[in-house]
């Protein structure tokens, strides 16, 4: 499994390998408190964005993740972040997560196109058996977006994570497996052709 940084180019967005030079754009993109209501670790100031980026780059160097900066080709700005992580080479699976977007691109094709490119890379280049995506039980918008992709809801992990503010989060787990990918791919291509 090749876990090297890669650029994934779409029509609306390009997923760029995360770099230190992206920090100013990420600070600007993260500068809306509406993003962080149900996120594990909010990026509420420039210092937290710096820490987030350096931690992701360290994890990338040790083979734990592949982090991406989400670049909006339309506005020519950085609009968010996503990554592949919790990578299991022997079991051929991983998770898509640590995803956040500036509200300026909510309810646009940005998330659909990002997930399409990531899933295509996972199933067609990395030859994975399973990709999982999880979210906070309270985050109904995120759950609807994940289900819309065609991911299967597997269940709820009760009292799964303690958030930065002490809240004990229940987590909803979704997945897509390799034999479901062709149908999911057709579904996403249909959304993106509109």
C-alpha atoms as a PDB file:
ATOM      1  CA  UNK A   1       0.000   0.000   0.000  1.00  0.00           C
ATOM      2  CA  UNK A   2       1.572   3.274  -1.143  1.00  0.00           C
ATOM      3  CA  UNK A   3       0.974   5.809   1.619  1.00  0.00           C
ATOM      4  CA  UNK A   4       2.910   8.661   0.028  1.00  0.00           C
ATOM      5  CA  UNK A   5       1.330  12.124  -0.252  1.00  0.00           C
ATOM      6  CA  UNK A   6      -0.693  12.512  -3.439  1.00  0.00           C
ATOM      7  CA  UNK A   7      -2.637  15.275  -5.181  1.00  0.00           C
ATOM      8  CA  UNK A   8      -6.212  14.386  -6.165  1.00  0.00           C
ATOM      9  CA  UNK A   9      -7.703  16.749  -8.747  1.00  0.00           C
ATOM     10  CA  UNK A  10     -11.398  17.241  -9.301  1.00  0.00           C
ATOM     11  CA  UNK A  11     -13.551  19.765 -11.107  1.00  0.00           C
ATOM     12  CA  UNK A  12     -14.502  21.958  -8.132  1.00  0.00           C
ATOM     13  CA  UNK A  13     -11.748  21.010  -5.671  1.00  0.00           C
ATOM     14  CA  UNK A  14      -8.190  19.779  -5.551  1.00  0.00           C
ATOM     15  CA  UNK A  15      -6.975  17.776  -2.573  1.00  0.00           C
ATOM     16  CA  UNK A  16      -3.408  18.919  -1.988  1.00  0.00           C
ATOM     17  CA  UNK A  17      -0.921  17.108   0.241  1.00  0.00           C
ATOM     18  CA  UNK A  18      -0.936  19.117   3.471  1.00  0.00           C
ATOM     19  CA  UNK A  19       2.062  21.453   3.760  1.00  0.00           C
ATOM     20  CA  UNK A  20       3.279  23.976   6.274  1.00  0.00           C
ATOM     21  CA  UNK A  21       2.767  26.689   3.628  1.00  0.00           C
ATOM     22  CA  UNK A  22      -0.999  26.043   3.777  1.00  0.00           C
ATOM     23  CA  UNK A  23      -1.251  27.291   7.379  1.00  0.00           C
ATOM     24  CA  UNK A  24      -2.316  30.893   6.538  1.00  0.00           C
ATOM     25  CA  UNK A  25      -5.083  29.637   4.226  1.00  0.00           C
ATOM     26  CA  UNK A  26      -6.229  27.094   6.792  1.00  0.00           C
ATOM     27  CA  UNK A  27      -6.332  29.795   9.492  1.00  0.00           C
ATOM     28  CA  UNK A  28      -8.556  31.882   7.215  1.00  0.00           C
ATOM     29  CA  UNK A  29     -10.790  28.911   6.324  1.00  0.00           C
ATOM     30  CA  UNK A  30     -11.113  27.853   9.984  1.00  0.00           C
ATOM     31  CA  UNK A  31     -12.130  31.330  11.122  1.00  0.00           C
ATOM     32  CA  UNK A  32     -15.841  30.598  11.619  1.00  0.00           C
ATOM     33  CA  UNK A  33     -17.125  29.230  14.943  1.00  0.00           C
ATOM     34  CA  UNK A  34     -20.011  27.432  13.170  1.00  0.00           C
ATOM     35  CA  UNK A  35     -17.521  24.842  11.914  1.00  0.00           C
ATOM     36  CA  UNK A  36     -16.588  23.610  15.362  1.00  0.00           C
ATOM     37  CA  UNK A  37     -19.858  22.807  17.156  1.00  0.00           C
ATOM     38  CA  UNK A  38     -19.465  19.010  16.839  1.00  0.00           C
ATOM     39  CA  UNK A  39     -15.788  18.614  15.981  1.00  0.00           C
ATOM     40  CA  UNK A  40     -13.442  16.665  18.267  1.00  0.00           C
ATOM     41  CA  UNK A  41     -10.772  19.344  18.477  1.00  0.00           C
ATOM     42  CA  UNK A  42     -11.775  22.802  17.253  1.00  0.00           C
ATOM     43  CA  UNK A  43      -9.264  25.116  15.627  1.00  0.00           C
ATOM     44  CA  UNK A  44     -10.293  28.347  17.322  1.00  0.00           C
ATOM     45  CA  UNK A  45      -7.095  30.349  16.866  1.00  0.00           C
ATOM     46  CA  UNK A  46      -3.905  30.371  14.751  1.00  0.00           C
ATOM     47  CA  UNK A  47      -1.895  28.488  17.382  1.00  0.00           C
ATOM     48  CA  UNK A  48      -4.354  25.579  17.264  1.00  0.00           C
ATOM     49  CA  UNK A  49      -4.154  25.497  13.450  1.00  0.00           C
ATOM     50  CA  UNK A  50      -0.341  25.383  13.641  1.00  0.00           C
ATOM     51  CA  UNK A  51      -0.483  22.532  16.161  1.00  0.00           C
ATOM     52  CA  UNK A  52      -3.062  20.663  14.028  1.00  0.00           C
ATOM     53  CA  UNK A  53      -0.912  20.916  10.892  1.00  0.00           C
ATOM     54  CA  UNK A  54       2.369  19.910  12.564  1.00  0.00           C
ATOM     55  CA  UNK A  55       0.713  16.955  14.299  1.00  0.00           C
ATOM     56  CA  UNK A  56      -0.778  15.775  10.985  1.00  0.00           C
ATOM     57  CA  UNK A  57       2.579  16.137   9.229  1.00  0.00           C
ATOM     58  CA  UNK A  58       4.325  14.170  11.996  1.00  0.00           C
ATOM     59  CA  UNK A  59       1.707  11.425  11.728  1.00  0.00           C
ATOM     60  CA  UNK A  60       2.154  11.401   7.947  1.00  0.00           C
ATOM     61  CA  UNK A  61       5.916  10.998   8.360  1.00  0.00           C
ATOM     62  CA  UNK A  62       5.325   7.947  10.549  1.00  0.00           C
ATOM     63  CA  UNK A  63       2.836   6.394   8.088  1.00  0.00           C
ATOM     64  CA  UNK A  64      -0.220   6.957  10.258  1.00  0.00           C
ATOM     65  CA  UNK A  65      -2.156   9.235   7.913  1.00  0.00           C
ATOM     66  CA  UNK A  66      -2.352  11.015   4.582  1.00  0.00           C
ATOM     67  CA  UNK A  67      -3.588  14.577   5.265  1.00  0.00           C
ATOM     68  CA  UNK A  68      -5.028  16.872   2.600  1.00  0.00           C
ATOM     69  CA  UNK A  69      -5.754  20.558   2.261  1.00  0.00           C
ATOM     70  CA  UNK A  70      -9.023  21.182   0.414  1.00  0.00           C
ATOM     71  CA  UNK A  71      -8.475  23.817  -2.274  1.00  0.00           C
ATOM     72  CA  UNK A  72     -11.535  25.285  -3.995  1.00  0.00           C
ATOM     73  CA  UNK A  73     -10.729  25.651  -7.699  1.00  0.00           C
ATOM     74  CA  UNK A  74     -13.674  28.013  -8.142  1.00  0.00           C
ATOM     75  CA  UNK A  75     -12.794  30.598  -5.485  1.00  0.00           C
ATOM     76  CA  UNK A  76      -9.051  29.809  -5.651  1.00  0.00           C
ATOM     77  CA  UNK A  77      -8.888  29.545  -1.852  1.00  0.00           C
ATOM     78  CA  UNK A  78      -8.258  26.926   0.795  1.00  0.00           C
ATOM     79  CA  UNK A  79     -11.632  25.879   2.232  1.00  0.00           C
ATOM     80  CA  UNK A  80     -10.869  23.002   4.595  1.00  0.00           C
ATOM     81  CA  UNK A  81      -9.070  19.813   5.488  1.00  0.00           C
ATOM     82  CA  UNK A  82      -9.578  16.064   5.317  1.00  0.00           C
ATOM     83  CA  UNK A  83      -7.397  13.017   5.778  1.00  0.00           C
ATOM     84  CA  UNK A  84      -6.999   9.273   5.493  1.00  0.00           C
ATOM     85  CA  UNK A  85      -6.031   7.815   8.860  1.00  0.00           C
ATOM     86  CA  UNK A  86      -6.371   4.826  11.217  1.00  0.00           C
ATOM     87  CA  UNK A  87      -4.647   2.933   8.421  1.00  0.00           C
ATOM     88  CA  UNK A  88      -4.390  -0.854   8.697  1.00  0.00           C
ATOM     89  CA  UNK A  89      -2.161  -2.236   5.942  1.00  0.00           C
ATOM     90  CA  UNK A  90      -2.631  -5.921   6.936  1.00  0.00           C
ATOM     91  CA  UNK A  91      -6.415  -5.581   7.040  1.00  0.00           C
ATOM     92  CA  UNK A  92      -6.611  -3.220   4.027  1.00  0.00           C
ATOM     93  CA  UNK A  93      -8.784  -0.576   5.619  1.00  0.00           C
ATOM     94  CA  UNK A  94      -8.705   2.985   6.859  1.00  0.00           C
ATOM     95  CA  UNK A  95     -10.894   5.883   7.875  1.00  0.00           C
ATOM     96  CA  UNK A  96     -11.741   9.160   6.167  1.00  0.00           C
ATOM     97  CA  UNK A  97     -12.051  11.923   8.710  1.00  0.00           C
ATOM     98  CA  UNK A  98     -10.710  15.005  10.456  1.00  0.00           C
ATOM     99  CA  UNK A  99     -12.857  16.678   7.798  1.00  0.00           C
ATOM    100  CA  UNK A 100     -13.998  20.246   8.089  1.00  0.00           C
ATOM    101  CA  UNK A 101     -14.991  22.915   5.608  1.00  0.00           C
ATOM    102  CA  UNK A 102     -15.574  26.627   5.731  1.00  0.00           C
ATOM    103  CA  UNK A 103     -19.353  27.287   5.705  1.00  0.00           C
ATOM    104  CA  UNK A 104     -18.955  29.108   2.375  1.00  0.00           C
ATOM    105  CA  UNK A 105     -18.834  25.664   0.711  1.00  0.00           C
ATOM    106  CA  UNK A 106     -21.463  23.869   2.805  1.00  0.00           C
ATOM    107  CA  UNK A 107     -24.272  22.479   0.654  1.00  0.00           C
ATOM    108  CA  UNK A 108     -22.146  22.680  -2.489  1.00  0.00           C
ATOM    109  CA  UNK A 109     -20.532  19.855  -4.450  1.00  0.00           C
ATOM    110  CA  UNK A 110     -17.296  20.240  -2.446  1.00  0.00           C
ATOM    111  CA  UNK A 111     -17.896  17.450   0.095  1.00  0.00           C
ATOM    112  CA  UNK A 112     -19.331  15.064  -2.494  1.00  0.00           C
ATOM    113  CA  UNK A 113     -16.390  15.594  -4.827  1.00  0.00           C
ATOM    114  CA  UNK A 114     -13.841  15.252  -2.004  1.00  0.00           C
ATOM    115  CA  UNK A 115     -15.375  11.991  -0.811  1.00  0.00           C
ATOM    116  CA  UNK A 116     -15.642  10.693  -4.377  1.00  0.00           C
ATOM    117  CA  UNK A 117     -11.938  11.320  -5.047  1.00  0.00           C
ATOM    118  CA  UNK A 118     -10.871   9.855  -1.693  1.00  0.00           C
ATOM    119  CA  UNK A 119     -13.034   6.754  -2.062  1.00  0.00           C
ATOM    120  CA  UNK A 120     -11.884   6.211  -5.643  1.00  0.00           C
ATOM    121  CA  UNK A 121      -8.270   6.464  -4.499  1.00  0.00           C
ATOM    122  CA  UNK A 122      -8.915   4.073  -1.594  1.00  0.00           C
ATOM    123  CA  UNK A 123     -10.688   1.372  -3.582  1.00  0.00           C
ATOM    124  CA  UNK A 124      -9.057   1.703  -7.003  1.00  0.00           C
ATOM    125  CA  UNK A 125      -5.462   2.663  -6.136  1.00  0.00           C
ATOM    126  CA  UNK A 126      -4.897   1.362  -2.615  1.00  0.00           C
ATOM    127  CA  UNK A 127      -7.096  -1.727  -3.216  1.00  0.00           C
ATOM    128  CA  UNK A 128      -8.794  -1.451   0.182  1.00  0.00           C
ATOM    129  CA  UNK A 129     -11.489  -3.752   1.504  1.00  0.00           C
ATOM    130  CA  UNK A 130     -13.168  -1.206   3.780  1.00  0.00           C
ATOM    131  CA  UNK A 131     -13.353   2.545   4.373  1.00  0.00           C
ATOM    132  CA  UNK A 132     -15.067   3.881   7.460  1.00  0.00           C
ATOM    133  CA  UNK A 133     -16.393   7.316   8.333  1.00  0.00           C
ATOM    134  CA  UNK A 134     -17.669   8.321  11.747  1.00  0.00           C
ATOM    135  CA  UNK A 135     -19.328  11.356  13.282  1.00  0.00           C
ATOM    136  CA  UNK A 136     -20.818  12.717  16.484  1.00  0.00           C
ATOM    137  CA  UNK A 137     -24.329  11.408  17.179  1.00  0.00           C
ATOM    138  CA  UNK A 138     -25.478  15.017  17.648  1.00  0.00           C
ATOM    139  CA  UNK A 139     -24.224  16.032  14.202  1.00  0.00           C
ATOM    140  CA  UNK A 140     -27.281  15.257  12.120  1.00  0.00           C
ATOM    141  CA  UNK A 141     -26.021  17.309   9.149  1.00  0.00           C
ATOM    142  CA  UNK A 142     -22.877  15.180   8.972  1.00  0.00           C
ATOM    143  CA  UNK A 143     -24.808  11.919   9.366  1.00  0.00           C
ATOM    144  CA  UNK A 144     -27.112  12.896   6.489  1.00  0.00           C
ATOM    145  CA  UNK A 145     -24.122  13.802   4.310  1.00  0.00           C
ATOM    146  CA  UNK A 146     -22.386  10.473   5.022  1.00  0.00           C
ATOM    147  CA  UNK A 147     -25.558   8.464   4.358  1.00  0.00           C
ATOM    148  CA  UNK A 148     -26.104  10.424   1.117  1.00  0.00           C
ATOM    149  CA  UNK A 149     -22.746   9.111  -0.106  1.00  0.00           C
ATOM    150  CA  UNK A 150     -24.111   5.579   0.103  1.00  0.00           C
ATOM    151  CA  UNK A 151     -22.245   4.575   3.257  1.00  0.00           C
ATOM    152  CA  UNK A 152     -23.941   2.008   5.487  1.00  0.00           C
ATOM    153  CA  UNK A 153     -24.671   2.974   9.089  1.00  0.00           C
ATOM    154  CA  UNK A 154     -23.186   0.232  11.252  1.00  0.00           C
ATOM    155  CA  UNK A 155     -24.181   1.471  14.665  1.00  0.00           C
ATOM    156  CA  UNK A 156     -23.381   3.739  17.568  1.00  0.00           C
ATOM    157  CA  UNK A 157     -20.239   3.556  19.679  1.00  0.00           C
ATOM    158  CA  UNK A 158     -21.513   4.664  23.075  1.00  0.00           C
ATOM    159  CA  UNK A 159     -19.405   7.040  25.184  1.00  0.00           C
ATOM    160  CA  UNK A 160     -16.700   6.742  22.554  1.00  0.00           C
ATOM    161  CA  UNK A 161     -14.736   9.997  22.858  1.00  0.00           C
ATOM    162  CA  UNK A 162     -14.193  12.742  25.404  1.00  0.00           C
ATOM    163  CA  UNK A 163     -14.232  16.089  23.620  1.00  0.00           C
ATOM    164  CA  UNK A 164     -12.047  19.100  24.393  1.00  0.00           C
ATOM    165  CA  UNK A 165     -14.825  20.592  26.570  1.00  0.00           C
ATOM    166  CA  UNK A 166     -15.340  17.386  28.579  1.00  0.00           C
ATOM    167  CA  UNK A 167     -18.479  16.271  26.725  1.00  0.00           C
ATOM    168  CA  UNK A 168     -18.601  12.477  26.339  1.00  0.00           C
ATOM    169  CA  UNK A 169     -19.534  11.827  22.746  1.00  0.00           C
ATOM    170  CA  UNK A 170     -21.457   8.946  21.233  1.00  0.00           C
ATOM    171  CA  UNK A 171     -20.116   8.171  17.750  1.00  0.00           C
ATOM    172  CA  UNK A 172     -22.081   6.963  14.718  1.00  0.00           C
ATOM    173  CA  UNK A 173     -20.049   4.574  12.558  1.00  0.00           C
ATOM    174  CA  UNK A 174     -20.554   4.199   8.797  1.00  0.00           C
ATOM    175  CA  UNK A 175     -18.622   2.171   6.236  1.00  0.00           C
ATOM    176  CA  UNK A 176     -18.308   1.303   2.576  1.00  0.00           C
ATOM    177  CA  UNK A 177     -16.757  -2.012   1.551  1.00  0.00           C
ATOM    178  CA  UNK A 178     -15.095  -2.929  -1.725  1.00  0.00           C
ATOM    179  CA  UNK A 179     -18.048  -4.801  -3.242  1.00  0.00           C
ATOM    180  CA  UNK A 180     -20.291  -1.771  -2.561  1.00  0.00           C
ATOM    181  CA  UNK A 181     -17.898   0.668  -4.237  1.00  0.00           C
ATOM    182  CA  UNK A 182     -19.198   0.271  -7.840  1.00  0.00           C
ATOM    183  CA  UNK A 183     -22.735   1.208  -6.767  1.00  0.00           C
ATOM    184  CA  UNK A 184     -21.494   4.029  -4.530  1.00  0.00           C
ATOM    185  CA  UNK A 185     -19.282   5.262  -7.378  1.00  0.00           C
ATOM    186  CA  UNK A 186     -22.250   5.374  -9.770  1.00  0.00           C
ATOM    187  CA  UNK A 187     -24.311   7.213  -7.169  1.00  0.00           C
ATOM    188  CA  UNK A 188     -21.626   9.845  -6.578  1.00  0.00           C
ATOM    189  CA  UNK A 189     -20.947  10.279 -10.291  1.00  0.00           C
ATOM    190  CA  UNK A 190     -24.672  10.905 -10.693  1.00  0.00           C
ATOM    191  CA  UNK A 191     -24.603  13.638  -8.043  1.00  0.00           C
ATOM    192  CA  UNK A 192     -21.525  15.219  -9.611  1.00  0.00           C
ATOM    193  CA  UNK A 193     -22.985  15.228 -13.132  1.00  0.00           C
ATOM    194  CA  UNK A 194     -25.856  17.519 -12.104  1.00  0.00           C
END
